PDB file of N, CA and C in Angstrom:
ATOM      1  N   MET A   1       6.699  12.975   0.606  1.00  0.00           N
ATOM      2  CA  MET A   1       5.362  11.595  -0.896  1.00  0.00           C
ATOM      3  C   MET A   1       5.622  10.735   0.444  1.00  0.00           C
ATOM      4  N   THR A   2       4.579   9.971   0.251  1.00  0.00           N
ATOM      5  CA  THR A   2       4.635   8.425   1.057  1.00  0.00           C
ATOM      6  C   THR A   2       3.927   7.641   0.387  1.00  0.00           C
ATOM      7  N   PHE A   3       4.231   6.240   0.040  1.00  0.00           N
ATOM      8  CA  PHE A   3       3.482   5.774  -0.855  1.00  0.00           C
ATOM      9  C   PHE A   3       2.500   4.684  -0.232  1.00  0.00           C
ATOM     10  N   LEU A   4       1.539   3.963  -0.550  1.00  0.00           N
ATOM     11  CA  LEU A   4       1.198   3.145   0.142  1.00  0.00           C
ATOM     12  C   LEU A   4       0.263   2.180  -1.069  1.00  0.00           C
ATOM     13  N   LEU A   5       1.272   0.954  -0.622  1.00  0.00           N
ATOM     14  CA  LEU A   5       0.705   0.199  -1.470  1.00  0.00           C
ATOM     15  C   LEU A   5      -0.575  -0.762  -0.736  1.00  0.00           C
ATOM     16  N   ASP A   6      -1.593  -0.389  -1.747  1.00  0.00           N
ATOM     17  CA  ASP A   6      -1.880  -1.525  -1.603  1.00  0.00           C
ATOM     18  C   ASP A   6      -2.838  -2.872  -1.778  1.00  0.00           C
ATOM     19  N   ILE A   7      -3.074  -3.896  -1.118  1.00  0.00           N
ATOM     20  CA  ILE A   7      -3.370  -5.158  -1.344  1.00  0.00           C
ATOM     21  C   ILE A   7      -4.603  -5.632  -0.417  1.00  0.00           C
ATOM     22  N   PRO A   8      -5.481  -6.237  -0.784  1.00  0.00           N
ATOM     23  CA  PRO A   8      -6.608  -7.081   0.756  1.00  0.00           C
ATOM     24  C   PRO A   8      -5.274  -8.229   1.324  1.00  0.00           C
ATOM     25  N   ALA A   9      -5.690  -7.654   2.574  1.00  0.00           N
ATOM     26  CA  ALA A   9      -4.806  -8.836   3.724  1.00  0.00           C
ATOM     27  C   ALA A   9      -4.593  -9.533   3.108  1.00  0.00           C
ATOM     28  N   GLN A  10      -5.731 -10.420   2.518  1.00  0.00           N
ATOM     29  CA  GLN A  10      -5.349 -11.882   1.878  1.00  0.00           C
ATOM     30  C   GLN A  10      -4.057 -12.392   1.334  1.00  0.00           C
ATOM     31  N   GLU A  11      -4.785 -11.419   0.604  1.00  0.00           N
ATOM     32  CA  GLU A  11      -3.287 -12.085  -0.818  1.00  0.00           C
ATOM     33  C   GLU A  11      -1.840 -11.374  -0.393  1.00  0.00           C
ATOM     34  N   GLY A  12      -1.881  -9.771   0.300  1.00  0.00           N
ATOM     35  CA  GLY A  12      -0.559  -9.987   1.539  1.00  0.00           C
ATOM     36  C   GLY A  12       0.460 -10.958   1.868  1.00  0.00           C
ATOM     37  N   LEU A  13      -1.166 -11.617   2.922  1.00  0.00           N
ATOM     38  CA  LEU A  13      -0.298 -13.011   3.553  1.00  0.00           C
ATOM     39  C   LEU A  13       0.033 -13.944   2.448  1.00  0.00           C
ATOM     40  N   ARG A  14      -0.593 -14.219   1.534  1.00  0.00           N
ATOM     41  CA  ARG A  14      -0.466 -14.645   0.356  1.00  0.00           C
ATOM     42  C   ARG A  14       0.980 -14.038   0.219  1.00  0.00           C
ATOM     43  N   ARG A  15       1.693 -13.164  -1.148  1.00  0.00           N
ATOM     44  CA  ARG A  15       2.374 -12.783  -0.869  1.00  0.00           C
ATOM     45  C   ARG A  15       3.767 -12.903  -0.614  1.00  0.00           C
ATOM     46  N   ALA A  16       3.482 -12.936   0.931  1.00  0.00           N
ATOM     47  CA  ALA A  16       4.336 -13.173   1.854  1.00  0.00           C
ATOM     48  C   ALA A  16       5.939 -15.318   1.810  1.00  0.00           C
ATOM     49  N   GLY A  17       4.385 -15.285   1.569  1.00  0.00           N
ATOM     50  CA  GLY A  17       4.727 -17.267   1.495  1.00  0.00           C
ATOM     51  C   GLY A  17       5.602 -17.435   2.202  1.00  0.00           C
ATOM     52  N   GLY A  18       6.694 -18.206   2.075  1.00  0.00           N
ATOM     53  CA  GLY A  18       7.651 -18.428   3.108  1.00  0.00           C
ATOM     54  C   GLY A  18       7.780 -18.860   4.008  1.00  0.00           C
ATOM     55  N   ALA A  19       7.994 -18.867   5.094  1.00  0.00           N
ATOM     56  CA  ALA A  19       7.710 -19.225   7.220  1.00  0.00           C
ATOM     57  C   ALA A  19       7.295 -18.199   7.125  1.00  0.00           C
ATOM     58  N   SER A  20       6.592 -18.079   7.764  1.00  0.00           N
ATOM     59  CA  SER A  20       5.516 -17.263   8.345  1.00  0.00           C
ATOM     60  C   SER A  20       6.185 -16.922  10.274  1.00  0.00           C
ATOM     61  N   ASP A  21       6.082 -15.133   9.955  1.00  0.00           N
ATOM     62  CA  ASP A  21       6.604 -14.806  11.700  1.00  0.00           C
ATOM     63  C   ASP A  21       5.257 -14.948  12.749  1.00  0.00           C
ATOM     64  N   ARG A  22       5.400 -14.542  13.604  1.00  0.00           N
ATOM     65  CA  ARG A  22       4.413 -14.022  14.542  1.00  0.00           C
ATOM     66  C   ARG A  22       3.175 -13.081  13.301  1.00  0.00           C
ATOM     67  N   ILE A  23       3.985 -11.890  12.800  1.00  0.00           N
ATOM     68  CA  ILE A  23       2.492 -10.958  12.823  1.00  0.00           C
ATOM     69  C   ILE A  23       1.684 -12.431  11.483  1.00  0.00           C
ATOM     70  N   GLN A  24       2.468 -12.752  11.476  1.00  0.00           N
ATOM     71  CA  GLN A  24       1.758 -13.319   9.848  1.00  0.00           C
ATOM     72  C   GLN A  24       1.078 -14.283  10.117  1.00  0.00           C
ATOM     73  N   GLU A  25       1.307 -15.039  11.562  1.00  0.00           N
ATOM     74  CA  GLU A  25       0.695 -16.226  11.863  1.00  0.00           C
ATOM     75  C   GLU A  25      -0.709 -14.904  12.279  1.00  0.00           C
ATOM     76  N   ARG A  26      -0.974 -14.279  12.517  1.00  0.00           N
ATOM     77  CA  ARG A  26      -2.526 -13.579  13.426  1.00  0.00           C
ATOM     78  C   ARG A  26      -3.485 -14.196  13.217  1.00  0.00           C
ATOM     79  N   PRO A  27      -4.021 -13.967  12.708  1.00  0.00           N
ATOM     80  CA  PRO A  27      -5.546 -13.757  12.383  1.00  0.00           C
ATOM     81  C   PRO A  27      -6.051 -12.688  11.545  1.00  0.00           C
ATOM     82  N   LEU A  28      -6.671 -13.321  10.512  1.00  0.00           N
ATOM     83  CA  LEU A  28      -6.419 -12.851   9.114  1.00  0.00           C
ATOM     84  C   LEU A  28      -7.170 -11.442   9.552  1.00  0.00           C
ATOM     85  N   ALA A  29      -8.500 -11.525  10.387  1.00  0.00           N
ATOM     86  CA  ALA A  29      -8.822  -9.632  10.989  1.00  0.00           C
ATOM     87  C   ALA A  29      -7.667  -8.769  11.603  1.00  0.00           C
ATOM     88  N   TYR A  30      -7.282  -9.372  12.152  1.00  0.00           N
ATOM     89  CA  TYR A  30      -5.713  -8.197  12.653  1.00  0.00           C
ATOM     90  C   TYR A  30      -5.063  -7.847  11.656  1.00  0.00           C
ATOM     91  N   HIS A  31      -5.626  -8.342  10.144  1.00  0.00           N
ATOM     92  CA  HIS A  31      -4.334  -7.527   9.510  1.00  0.00           C
ATOM     93  C   HIS A  31      -5.164  -7.206   8.852  1.00  0.00           C
ATOM     94  N   ARG A  32      -7.196  -7.200   7.944  1.00  0.00           N
ATOM     95  CA  ARG A  32      -7.197  -6.188   7.544  1.00  0.00           C
ATOM     96  C   ARG A  32      -8.237  -4.909   8.455  1.00  0.00           C
ATOM     97  N   ARG A  33      -7.478  -5.421  10.673  1.00  0.00           N
ATOM     98  CA  ARG A  33      -7.531  -3.973  11.167  1.00  0.00           C
ATOM     99  C   ARG A  33      -6.753  -2.637  10.423  1.00  0.00           C
ATOM    100  N   VAL A  34      -5.465  -3.847   9.984  1.00  0.00           N
ATOM    101  CA  VAL A  34      -4.209  -2.875  10.124  1.00  0.00           C
ATOM    102  C   VAL A  34      -4.020  -2.236   8.620  1.00  0.00           C
ATOM    103  N   ARG A  35      -4.890  -2.700   8.027  1.00  0.00           N
ATOM    104  CA  ARG A  35      -4.810  -2.843   6.707  1.00  0.00           C
ATOM    105  C   ARG A  35      -5.297  -1.630   5.794  1.00  0.00           C
ATOM    106  N   ASN A  36      -6.748  -1.568   7.269  1.00  0.00           N
ATOM    107  CA  ASN A  36      -8.218  -0.090   7.484  1.00  0.00           C
ATOM    108  C   ASN A  36      -7.315   0.510   7.454  1.00  0.00           C
ATOM    109  N   GLY A  37      -6.612   0.951   9.352  1.00  0.00           N
ATOM    110  CA  GLY A  37      -6.009   1.152   9.209  1.00  0.00           C
ATOM    111  C   GLY A  37      -5.253   2.511   9.246  1.00  0.00           C
ATOM    112  N   TYR A  38      -4.290   1.767   7.688  1.00  0.00           N
ATOM    113  CA  TYR A  38      -3.122   2.487   6.910  1.00  0.00           C
ATOM    114  C   TYR A  38      -4.273   3.899   6.433  1.00  0.00           C
ATOM    115  N   LEU A  39      -4.969   2.381   5.553  1.00  0.00           N
ATOM    116  CA  LEU A  39      -6.593   3.304   4.842  1.00  0.00           C
ATOM    117  C   LEU A  39      -6.566   4.857   5.632  1.00  0.00           C
ATOM    118  N   LYS A  40      -7.162   4.469   6.260  1.00  0.00           N
ATOM    119  CA  LYS A  40      -7.826   5.815   7.016  1.00  0.00           C
ATOM    120  C   LYS A  40      -6.200   6.973   6.643  1.00  0.00           C
ATOM    121  N   LEU A  41      -6.056   7.029   7.580  1.00  0.00           N
ATOM    122  CA  LEU A  41      -4.119   7.576   7.432  1.00  0.00           C
ATOM    123  C   LEU A  41      -4.653   8.980   5.942  1.00  0.00           C
ATOM    124  N   GLY A  42      -4.578   7.722   4.940  1.00  0.00           N
ATOM    125  CA  GLY A  42      -3.781   8.236   3.595  1.00  0.00           C
ATOM    126  C   GLY A  42      -5.336   8.769   3.409  1.00  0.00           C
ATOM    127  N   SER A  43      -5.729   8.277   3.801  1.00  0.00           N
ATOM    128  CA  SER A  43      -7.914   9.046   3.282  1.00  0.00           C
ATOM    129  C   SER A  43      -7.596  10.624   4.288  1.00  0.00           C
ATOM    130  N   GLU A  44      -7.312  10.472   5.198  1.00  0.00           N
ATOM    131  CA  GLU A  44      -7.260  11.790   5.906  1.00  0.00           C
ATOM    132  C   GLU A  44      -5.267  13.048   6.114  1.00  0.00           C
ATOM    133  N   ASN A  45      -4.674  12.084   5.115  1.00  0.00           N
ATOM    134  CA  ASN A  45      -4.038  13.051   4.609  1.00  0.00           C
ATOM    135  C   ASN A  45      -3.539  13.543   2.866  1.00  0.00           C
ATOM    136  N   PRO A  46      -4.502  13.559   2.458  1.00  0.00           N
ATOM    137  CA  PRO A  46      -4.051  12.599   0.462  1.00  0.00           C
ATOM    138  C   PRO A  46      -2.697  13.696   0.289  1.00  0.00           C
ATOM    139  N   LYS A  47      -2.272  14.295   0.947  1.00  0.00           N
ATOM    140  CA  LYS A  47      -1.468  15.713  -0.156  1.00  0.00           C
ATOM    141  C   LYS A  47      -0.606  14.967  -0.491  1.00  0.00           C
ATOM    142  N   ARG A  48      -0.173  13.813   1.213  1.00  0.00           N
ATOM    143  CA  ARG A  48       1.717  13.526   2.038  1.00  0.00           C
ATOM    144  C   ARG A  48       1.705  11.948   1.874  1.00  0.00           C
ATOM    145  N   ILE A  49      -0.029  10.995   1.928  1.00  0.00           N
ATOM    146  CA  ILE A  49       0.031   9.364   1.851  1.00  0.00           C
ATOM    147  C   ILE A  49      -0.567   9.178   0.554  1.00  0.00           C
ATOM    148  N   LYS A  50      -0.647   8.414  -0.422  1.00  0.00           N
ATOM    149  CA  LYS A  50       0.262   8.528  -2.910  1.00  0.00           C
ATOM    150  C   LYS A  50      -1.100   7.116  -1.701  1.00  0.00           C
ATOM    151  N   VAL A  51      -2.657   6.426  -2.076  1.00  0.00           N
ATOM    152  CA  VAL A  51      -3.036   5.298  -2.104  1.00  0.00           C
ATOM    153  C   VAL A  51      -3.149   4.717  -3.115  1.00  0.00           C
ATOM    154  N   ILE A  52      -2.205   3.715  -3.747  1.00  0.00           N
ATOM    155  CA  ILE A  52      -1.357   2.911  -4.780  1.00  0.00           C
ATOM    156  C   ILE A  52      -2.423   1.181  -4.987  1.00  0.00           C
ATOM    157  N   LYS A  53      -3.063   1.407  -5.795  1.00  0.00           N
ATOM    158  CA  LYS A  53      -3.447  -0.517  -5.744  1.00  0.00           C
ATOM    159  C   LYS A  53      -2.474  -0.771  -6.337  1.00  0.00           C
ATOM    160  N   ALA A  54      -2.173  -2.153  -5.041  1.00  0.00           N
ATOM    161  CA  ALA A  54      -1.308  -2.341  -6.287  1.00  0.00           C
ATOM    162  C   ALA A  54      -1.861  -4.279  -6.638  1.00  0.00           C
ATOM    163  N   LYS A  55      -1.806  -4.036  -7.827  1.00  0.00           N
ATOM    164  CA  LYS A  55      -2.599  -5.273  -8.711  1.00  0.00           C
ATOM    165  C   LYS A  55      -1.479  -6.422  -8.554  1.00  0.00           C
ATOM    166  N   ASP A  56      -0.222  -5.375  -9.740  1.00  0.00           N
ATOM    167  CA  ASP A  56       0.697  -6.425 -10.779  1.00  0.00           C
ATOM    168  C   ASP A  56       1.502  -5.367 -10.184  1.00  0.00           C
ATOM    169  N   ILE A  57       2.565  -5.367 -10.397  1.00  0.00           N
ATOM    170  CA  ILE A  57       4.539  -4.454 -10.173  1.00  0.00           C
ATOM    171  C   ILE A  57       4.583  -3.693 -12.072  1.00  0.00           C
ATOM    172  N   GLN A  58       3.035  -3.797 -12.798  1.00  0.00           N
ATOM    173  CA  GLN A  58       3.910  -3.244 -13.540  1.00  0.00           C
ATOM    174  C   GLN A  58       2.594  -2.137 -13.512  1.00  0.00           C
ATOM    175  N   ASN A  59       1.647  -2.334 -13.924  1.00  0.00           N
ATOM    176  CA  ASN A  59       0.634  -0.523 -12.975  1.00  0.00           C
ATOM    177  C   ASN A  59       1.038  -0.337 -11.897  1.00  0.00           C
ATOM    178  N   THR A  60       1.659  -0.770 -10.529  1.00  0.00           N
ATOM    179  CA  THR A  60       1.628   0.264  -9.392  1.00  0.00           C
ATOM    180  C   THR A  60       2.469   0.418 -10.160  1.00  0.00           C
ATOM    181  N   GLN A  61       3.889   0.352 -10.469  1.00  0.00           N
ATOM    182  CA  GLN A  61       4.741   1.212 -10.723  1.00  0.00           C
ATOM    183  C   GLN A  61       4.889   2.360 -11.572  1.00  0.00           C
ATOM    184  N   GLU A  62       3.769   1.624 -13.015  1.00  0.00           N
ATOM    185  CA  GLU A  62       4.024   3.365 -13.965  1.00  0.00           C
ATOM    186  C   GLU A  62       2.749   4.246 -13.143  1.00  0.00           C
ATOM    187  N   GLU A  63       1.543   4.116 -11.949  1.00  0.00           N
ATOM    188  CA  GLU A  63       1.454   4.744 -11.674  1.00  0.00           C
ATOM    189  C   GLU A  63       2.361   5.565 -10.167  1.00  0.00           C
ATOM    190  N   ILE A  64       3.425   4.893  -9.862  1.00  0.00           N
ATOM    191  CA  ILE A  64       3.787   5.605  -8.642  1.00  0.00           C
ATOM    192  C   ILE A  64       5.142   6.903  -9.591  1.00  0.00           C
ATOM    193  N   ARG A  65       5.319   6.248 -11.439  1.00  0.00           N
ATOM    194  CA  ARG A  65       6.109   6.719 -11.727  1.00  0.00           C
ATOM    195  C   ARG A  65       5.221   8.538 -12.553  1.00  0.00           C
ATOM    196  N   LYS A  66       3.643   7.745 -12.502  1.00  0.00           N
ATOM    197  CA  LYS A  66       2.790   8.900 -12.544  1.00  0.00           C
ATOM    198  C   LYS A  66       3.272  10.130 -11.480  1.00  0.00           C
ATOM    199  N   LEU A  67       2.778   9.751 -10.560  1.00  0.00           N
ATOM    200  CA  LEU A  67       2.536  10.691  -9.540  1.00  0.00           C
ATOM    201  C   LEU A  67       3.692  11.311  -9.165  1.00  0.00           C
ATOM    202  N   ILE A  68       5.191  10.793  -8.734  1.00  0.00           N
ATOM    203  CA  ILE A  68       6.223  11.275  -9.030  1.00  0.00           C
ATOM    204  C   ILE A  68       6.598  12.191 -10.029  1.00  0.00           C
ATOM    205  N   LYS A  69       6.191  12.394 -11.434  1.00  0.00           N
ATOM    206  CA  LYS A  69       6.190  12.974 -12.387  1.00  0.00           C
ATOM    207  C   LYS A  69       6.098  14.523 -12.066  1.00  0.00           C
ATOM    208  N   GLU A  70       4.324  13.528 -11.860  1.00  0.00           N
ATOM    209  CA  GLU A  70       3.298  14.809 -11.450  1.00  0.00           C
ATOM    210  C   GLU A  70       3.560  16.039 -10.260  1.00  0.00           C
ATOM    211  N   PHE A  71       4.098  15.598  -8.662  1.00  0.00           N
ATOM    212  CA  PHE A  71       4.993  15.616  -8.012  1.00  0.00           C
ATOM    213  C   PHE A  71       5.942  16.863  -8.141  1.00  0.00           C
ATOM    214  N   LEU A  72       7.137  16.507  -9.318  1.00  0.00           N
ATOM    215  CA  LEU A  72       8.387  16.956  -9.916  1.00  0.00           C
ATOM    216  C   LEU A  72       8.019  18.179 -10.872  1.00  0.00           C
ATOM    217  N   LEU A  73       6.520  17.621 -11.552  1.00  0.00           N
ATOM    218  CA  LEU A  73       6.256  18.820 -12.049  1.00  0.00           C
ATOM    219  C   LEU A  73       5.824  20.021 -11.144  1.00  0.00           C
ATOM    220  N   LYS A  74       5.122  19.568 -10.086  1.00  0.00           N
ATOM    221  CA  LYS A  74       4.582  20.870  -9.473  1.00  0.00           C
ATOM    222  C   LYS A  74       5.670  21.753  -8.482  1.00  0.00           C
ATOM    223  N   HIS A  75       6.629  21.070  -8.320  1.00  0.00           N
ATOM    224  CA  HIS A  75       6.916  21.576  -7.558  1.00  0.00           C
ATOM    225  C   HIS A  75       8.535  22.190  -8.499  1.00  0.00           C
ATOM    226  N   LEU A  76       9.103  21.733  -9.050  1.00  0.00           N
ATOM    227  CA  LEU A  76      10.511  22.033  -9.964  1.00  0.00           C
ATOM    228  C   LEU A  76       9.881  23.417 -10.860  1.00  0.00           C
TER     229      LEU A  76
END
């Protein structure tokens, strides 16, 4: 199982903060295309890739725990 923590591209750049690298310096449109590519992978592989809206730490953690619990109950 793969967790894809989804946030808008602009928010991701903001959260990265600090000194930027060559990837972070690319235009926002680039980051949006990358995000959309990963979201497409998630929608094409829903059994393997779980897309989680990464709003805040607590909700993200709760969603991951819920998915892991469901997976373990189903496969153990």
